[in-house]
Amino acid sequence: MCGLIGAYFYSLRISKKSILVAECSALAIHHGSASIEYSKIVNNLSHATKEFSEFNYKLWVDWAREIEGKDNYQLGGNNPRPLRHVLSNASEMLANYGSNNNFRGMSASRSILSVLRNGVDNFNDTEYQKLLKKADGKYQDFEEIFGLPSKSASITSALAFRWACSQLIKRVSREDWKGIWESAWLEDGWLTNYKVEFLKIKPVLNDARELLKSEKAKLAHSVFPLDSNIDLFKKYSETLRIIDNLLEGCDSNILEVYQDWKFDEEMSQLVVCSMAIAFFAMSQLDTVYMGRNE
C-alpha cells in the first residue's frame, strides 16, 4: 500500500514538472519576439548613449578639477580634502538623495534642486566651527564623519552635506562662483555641452520608450501577457523606469531655468546640483549597460 502511495506522489511530481516545463516553453515561444525586440532596443540605447555617459563622467570629474584652481585651500581648516573631492562627495551624496526619492515617486532632479528651495546658505560661524572641529584633518568621505543623510528628511539638514557646502562657500569666493556658473553656459562651457549631448540622445530615449510600450501592448490581451513572464517583465519595467528618469530628471532644460540665476550666494549649490544631475544620469545609464549583458 505504501509503495502504491509513493508511486502515486512520484507520478504526480513528474506530471507537475512536465506541466511546468510545458508552460515555460510556451512562455518562451510566446514572448520570443518581445525578448528579441528588448535586446535590440537596449543594445541600440547602449550604443546611442555611450558618448553622453562619458561626457557626464568628464563633467563630474574634470569640471571639479577646473574649479579647484579657484580654491583658497588655507581657509578649509587643517589639511582639508582637495576641493575636487568636496565637490564629488557633495554631488554624489545629492545624486543618491535624488535617486532614493525617485523610488518614492518624486523626480530625481526635483529632489536635487530642492537644495535651492530649502536653502543651505544660512550658515553661521558657530555651526562652521562645530563641524570643523569634528572634520578637521580627516580625509574620509563626509558621510563617514557625520553619518549618512536621513532618507526621510531634507538633505539640507544633513551635517555631511552642510559641511561640504560650507567648505565650498568658505574656500571659493562668491565672485568666483558666479564666474564659474556663467562660464559653464558659454559656447563651449560645461552646461552648454551638456545640453548639446542630451539633445542628441533625447529622440533615442523617446523612441525606445515608445517601442517598449508598443511591445508590452501587443501582449496585453494575449494568453500570456508580459507580466506572466517575471524576468522579461522586470527588464521591460526597469528599462522604462530608467528612460523616464533620464527624460524627466536629466533634461537639459531643467538646468537652463537657472542659467541667469540672480542669487550669487547660491551659485556653489547650483554647481553641485548640476554635477549631481550628471552623476545621476551616468548611474542610470550604467544600469542599462549592465542589463545589456544579462
Protein backbone atom coordinates (compact mmCIF):
# COMPACT_ATOMS: atom_id res chain seq x y z
CA MET A 1 0.00 0.00 0.00
CA CYS A 2 2.78 2.45 0.94
CA GLY A 3 4.52 1.57 -2.31
CA LEU A 4 1.40 2.46 -4.31
CA ILE A 5 1.05 5.81 -2.49
CA GLY A 6 4.74 6.58 -3.07
CA ALA A 7 4.40 5.75 -6.76
CA TYR A 8 1.30 7.98 -6.97
CA PHE A 9 3.08 11.02 -5.47
CA TYR A 10 6.17 10.38 -7.61
CA SER A 11 3.95 10.28 -10.69
CA LEU A 12 2.22 13.49 -9.53
CA ARG A 13 5.55 15.28 -9.14
CA ILE A 14 6.64 14.18 -12.61
CA SER A 15 3.31 15.37 -14.01
CA LYS A 16 3.61 18.79 -12.33
CA LYS A 17 7.19 19.12 -13.55
CA SER A 18 6.10 18.31 -17.10
CA ILE A 19 3.34 20.90 -16.92
CA LEU A 20 5.80 23.49 -15.62
CA VAL A 21 8.27 22.71 -18.43
CA ALA A 22 5.46 22.96 -20.97
CA GLU A 23 4.34 26.31 -19.54
CA CYS A 24 7.90 27.68 -19.60
CA SER A 25 8.31 26.52 -23.19
CA ALA A 26 5.02 28.17 -24.14
CA LEU A 27 6.08 31.39 -22.44
CA ALA A 28 9.43 31.36 -24.21
CA ILE A 29 7.79 30.86 -27.59
CA HIS A 30 5.01 33.38 -26.94
CA HIS A 31 7.43 36.06 -25.70
CA GLY A 32 10.21 35.27 -28.15
CA SER A 33 9.55 38.35 -30.27
CA ALA A 34 9.30 40.63 -27.21
CA SER A 35 12.60 39.27 -25.90
CA ILE A 36 14.36 39.83 -29.23
CA GLU A 37 12.96 43.35 -29.53
CA TYR A 38 14.04 44.13 -25.97
CA SER A 39 17.61 43.11 -26.77
CA LYS A 40 17.61 45.23 -29.93
CA ILE A 41 16.23 48.29 -28.10
CA VAL A 42 18.68 48.02 -25.19
CA ASN A 43 21.66 47.44 -27.49
CA ASN A 44 20.71 50.48 -29.56
CA LEU A 45 20.15 52.53 -26.40
CA SER A 46 23.54 51.50 -25.00
CA HIS A 47 25.33 52.44 -28.20
CA ALA A 48 23.48 55.76 -28.65
CA THR A 49 24.03 56.96 -25.06
CA LYS A 50 27.68 55.96 -24.66
CA GLU A 51 29.06 59.42 -25.52
CA PHE A 52 26.53 61.13 -23.25
CA SER A 53 27.53 58.89 -20.35
CA GLU A 54 31.23 59.52 -20.97
CA PHE A 55 30.61 63.26 -21.13
CA ASN A 56 28.80 63.16 -17.78
CA TYR A 57 31.79 61.48 -16.20
CA LYS A 58 34.09 64.17 -17.59
CA LEU A 59 31.76 66.90 -16.33
CA TRP A 60 31.69 65.34 -12.89
CA VAL A 61 35.47 64.87 -12.67
CA ASP A 62 37.11 67.48 -14.91
CA TRP A 63 34.86 70.41 -14.05
CA ALA A 64 35.68 69.82 -10.38
CA ARG A 65 39.40 69.86 -11.22
CA GLU A 66 38.97 73.18 -13.02
CA ILE A 67 37.11 74.73 -10.10
CA GLU A 68 39.89 73.59 -7.77
CA GLY A 69 42.04 76.28 -9.38
CA LYS A 70 39.92 78.86 -7.52
CA ASP A 71 40.45 77.18 -4.15
CA ASN A 72 41.69 79.15 -1.14
CA TYR A 73 42.95 75.94 0.42
CA GLN A 74 44.15 77.51 3.66
CA LEU A 75 40.57 78.54 4.57
CA GLY A 76 39.38 74.92 4.73
CA GLY A 77 40.99 74.00 8.02
CA ASN A 78 43.99 71.82 8.85
CA ASN A 79 44.95 69.76 5.79
CA PRO A 80 41.42 69.76 4.26
CA ARG A 81 40.35 67.41 1.49
CA PRO A 82 41.08 68.73 -2.02
CA LEU A 83 38.23 70.86 -3.32
CA ARG A 84 37.56 68.45 -6.20
CA HIS A 85 36.88 65.75 -3.58
CA VAL A 86 34.50 68.07 -1.73
CA LEU A 87 32.60 68.66 -4.99
CA SER A 88 32.46 64.98 -5.94
CA ASN A 89 31.47 63.94 -2.41
CA ALA A 90 28.69 66.55 -2.22
CA SER A 91 27.33 65.86 -5.71
CA GLU A 92 27.34 62.07 -5.30
CA MET A 93 25.61 62.45 -1.93
CA LEU A 94 22.99 64.68 -3.57
CA ALA A 95 22.54 62.31 -6.54
CA ASN A 96 21.92 59.41 -4.14
CA TYR A 97 19.37 61.53 -2.29
CA GLY A 98 17.62 62.22 -5.61
CA SER A 99 17.72 58.54 -6.51
CA ASN A 100 16.20 57.50 -3.16
CA ASN A 101 13.35 59.98 -3.56
CA ASN A 102 12.87 58.86 -7.14
CA PHE A 103 11.75 55.45 -5.89
CA ARG A 104 9.13 57.26 -3.80
CA GLY A 105 7.64 58.98 -6.84
CA MET A 106 9.48 62.31 -6.94
CA SER A 107 11.74 63.03 -9.90
CA ALA A 108 15.42 62.97 -9.06
CA SER A 109 16.01 66.48 -10.38
CA ARG A 110 13.21 67.90 -8.24
CA SER A 111 14.80 66.35 -5.15
CA ILE A 112 18.26 67.51 -6.14
CA LEU A 113 17.15 71.08 -6.83
CA SER A 114 15.19 71.17 -3.58
CA VAL A 115 18.53 72.31 -2.15
CA LEU A 116 17.75 75.74 -3.65
CA ARG A 117 14.16 75.73 -2.40
CA ASN A 118 15.08 74.72 1.15
CA GLY A 119 18.30 76.71 1.31
CA VAL A 120 21.61 75.71 2.84
CA ASP A 121 23.14 79.16 2.87
CA ASN A 122 22.07 80.10 6.39
CA PHE A 123 25.39 79.06 7.88
CA ASN A 124 26.86 80.82 10.83
CA ASP A 125 30.37 80.72 12.22
CA THR A 126 29.29 78.81 15.33
CA GLU A 127 27.97 75.94 13.21
CA TYR A 128 31.02 76.03 10.95
CA GLN A 129 33.44 75.83 13.87
CA LYS A 130 31.50 72.94 15.37
CA LEU A 131 31.61 70.99 12.10
CA LEU A 132 35.24 71.93 11.53
CA LYS A 133 36.22 70.58 14.95
CA LYS A 134 34.81 67.18 14.01
CA ALA A 135 36.06 67.02 10.40
CA ASP A 136 39.35 68.91 10.53
CA GLY A 137 42.30 66.87 9.29
CA LYS A 138 40.15 63.87 8.37
CA TYR A 139 40.28 62.54 4.83
CA GLN A 140 37.41 60.04 4.59
CA ASP A 141 34.03 60.76 2.99
CA PHE A 142 31.92 63.24 4.93
CA GLU A 143 29.20 60.63 5.48
CA GLU A 144 31.72 58.54 7.44
CA ILE A 145 32.45 61.51 9.68
CA PHE A 146 28.92 62.89 10.18
CA GLY A 147 26.70 59.94 9.29
CA LEU A 148 24.53 59.21 6.27
CA PRO A 149 21.81 61.74 5.39
CA SER A 150 18.36 60.67 6.54
CA LYS A 151 16.14 59.25 3.80
CA SER A 152 13.08 60.88 5.37
CA ALA A 153 14.43 64.41 5.87
CA SER A 154 15.70 67.13 3.58
CA ILE A 155 19.35 66.71 2.67
CA THR A 156 19.89 70.35 3.64
CA SER A 157 19.60 69.26 7.27
CA ALA A 158 22.26 66.55 6.90
CA LEU A 159 25.52 67.52 8.61
CA ALA A 160 27.64 65.76 5.97
CA PHE A 161 26.03 67.79 3.19
CA ARG A 162 26.09 71.04 5.15
CA TRP A 163 29.79 70.54 5.84
CA ALA A 164 30.50 70.05 2.14
CA CYS A 165 28.54 73.18 1.24
CA SER A 166 30.24 75.22 3.96
CA GLN A 167 33.64 74.19 2.59
CA LEU A 168 32.67 75.37 -0.89
CA ILE A 169 31.41 78.70 0.46
CA LYS A 170 34.48 79.25 2.64
CA ARG A 171 37.13 78.25 0.12
CA VAL A 172 35.88 79.84 -3.12
CA SER A 173 34.74 83.45 -3.25
CA ARG A 174 31.19 84.37 -4.21
CA GLU A 175 32.52 86.30 -7.20
CA ASP A 176 34.45 83.25 -8.40
CA TRP A 177 31.39 81.00 -8.06
CA LYS A 178 29.43 83.49 -10.16
CA GLY A 179 32.13 83.38 -12.82
CA ILE A 180 32.24 79.57 -12.74
CA TRP A 181 28.47 79.36 -13.27
CA GLU A 182 28.43 81.94 -16.06
CA SER A 183 31.36 80.26 -17.83
CA ALA A 184 29.52 76.94 -17.77
CA TRP A 185 26.92 78.47 -20.10
CA LEU A 186 29.33 79.95 -22.62
CA GLU A 187 29.52 78.48 -26.12
CA ASP A 188 31.90 75.69 -25.12
CA GLY A 189 31.01 75.64 -21.43
CA TRP A 190 30.24 72.50 -19.46
CA LEU A 191 26.47 73.01 -19.26
CA THR A 192 26.13 74.20 -22.85
CA ASN A 193 27.85 70.98 -23.89
CA TYR A 194 25.63 69.00 -21.53
CA LYS A 195 22.64 70.44 -23.40
CA VAL A 196 24.17 69.51 -26.76
CA GLU A 197 24.84 65.94 -25.64
CA PHE A 198 21.42 65.46 -24.05
CA LEU A 199 19.57 66.72 -27.14
CA LYS A 200 21.43 64.09 -29.18
CA ILE A 201 20.01 61.25 -27.11
CA LYS A 202 16.56 62.67 -26.34
CA PRO A 203 14.93 61.35 -29.57
CA VAL A 204 16.57 57.95 -28.99
CA LEU A 205 15.13 57.80 -25.46
CA ASN A 206 11.66 58.75 -26.70
CA ASP A 207 11.79 56.15 -29.49
CA ALA A 208 12.98 53.43 -27.11
CA ARG A 209 10.17 54.24 -24.67
CA GLU A 210 7.53 54.03 -27.40
CA LEU A 211 8.92 50.76 -28.77
CA LEU A 212 8.97 49.13 -25.33
CA LYS A 213 5.41 50.28 -24.61
CA SER A 214 4.30 49.01 -28.01
CA GLU A 215 5.75 45.55 -27.35
CA LYS A 216 4.02 45.42 -23.97
CA ALA A 217 0.72 46.47 -25.55
CA LYS A 218 0.92 43.70 -28.18
CA LEU A 219 0.90 41.11 -25.40
CA ALA A 220 -1.54 42.82 -23.06
CA HIS A 221 -4.63 40.84 -24.14
CA SER A 222 -2.90 37.64 -25.22
CA VAL A 223 -2.93 34.27 -23.48
CA PHE A 224 0.37 35.17 -21.79
CA PRO A 225 0.63 38.94 -21.15
CA LEU A 226 4.11 40.23 -20.46
CA ASP A 227 3.67 40.20 -16.67
CA SER A 228 3.28 36.41 -16.81
CA ASN A 229 6.99 36.30 -17.68
CA ILE A 230 8.52 37.64 -14.49
CA ASP A 231 12.10 38.08 -15.73
CA LEU A 232 11.19 39.74 -19.03
CA PHE A 233 8.53 41.92 -17.41
CA LYS A 234 11.10 43.10 -14.87
CA LYS A 235 13.54 44.01 -17.65
CA TYR A 236 10.90 45.99 -19.53
CA SER A 237 9.74 47.78 -16.38
CA GLU A 238 13.26 48.65 -15.23
CA THR A 239 14.33 49.96 -18.63
CA LEU A 240 11.18 52.06 -18.97
CA ARG A 241 11.77 53.45 -15.48
CA ILE A 242 15.34 54.41 -16.38
CA ILE A 243 14.24 56.09 -19.61
CA ASP A 244 11.61 58.07 -17.70
CA ASN A 245 14.24 59.06 -15.14
CA LEU A 246 16.53 60.36 -17.88
CA LEU A 247 13.80 62.23 -19.76
CA GLU A 248 12.13 63.72 -16.70
CA GLY A 249 15.07 64.09 -14.35
CA CYS A 250 18.06 64.87 -16.57
CA ASP A 251 16.68 67.04 -19.38
CA SER A 252 18.97 69.99 -20.03
CA ASN A 253 16.03 72.43 -19.84
CA ILE A 254 15.81 71.69 -16.11
CA LEU A 255 19.16 73.43 -15.63
CA GLU A 256 18.55 76.11 -18.26
CA VAL A 257 15.91 77.64 -16.00
CA TYR A 258 18.77 78.62 -13.66
CA GLN A 259 21.12 79.92 -16.35
CA ASP A 260 20.60 83.59 -15.39
CA TRP A 261 20.20 82.96 -11.66
CA LYS A 262 20.44 86.21 -9.71
CA PHE A 263 21.30 84.88 -6.27
CA ASP A 264 25.09 84.85 -6.16
CA GLU A 265 25.18 83.18 -2.75
CA GLU A 266 23.60 80.05 -4.27
CA MET A 267 25.97 79.63 -7.22
CA SER A 268 28.09 76.99 -5.48
CA GLN A 269 24.96 74.97 -4.78
CA LEU A 270 23.86 75.29 -8.42
CA VAL A 271 27.19 73.81 -9.49
CA VAL A 272 26.78 70.91 -7.05
CA CYS A 273 23.19 70.33 -8.25
CA SER A 274 24.37 70.25 -11.88
CA MET A 275 27.09 67.75 -11.07
CA ALA A 276 24.58 65.65 -9.14
CA ILE A 277 22.21 65.51 -12.13
CA ALA A 278 25.13 64.46 -14.37
CA PHE A 279 26.13 61.78 -11.85
CA PHE A 280 22.53 60.55 -11.60
CA ALA A 281 22.28 60.31 -15.41
CA MET A 282 25.54 58.39 -15.53
CA SER A 283 24.41 55.93 -12.86
CA GLN A 284 21.10 55.32 -14.65
CA LEU A 285 22.90 54.52 -17.89
CA ASP A 286 25.30 52.19 -16.06
CA THR A 287 22.23 50.14 -15.15
CA VAL A 288 21.23 49.97 -18.83
CA TYR A 289 24.70 48.76 -19.79
CA MET A 290 24.60 46.10 -17.08
CA GLY A 291 21.18 44.94 -18.34
CA ARG A 292 22.60 44.62 -21.82
CA ASN A 293 24.99 41.91 -20.61
CA GLU A 294 22.46 39.89 -18.63
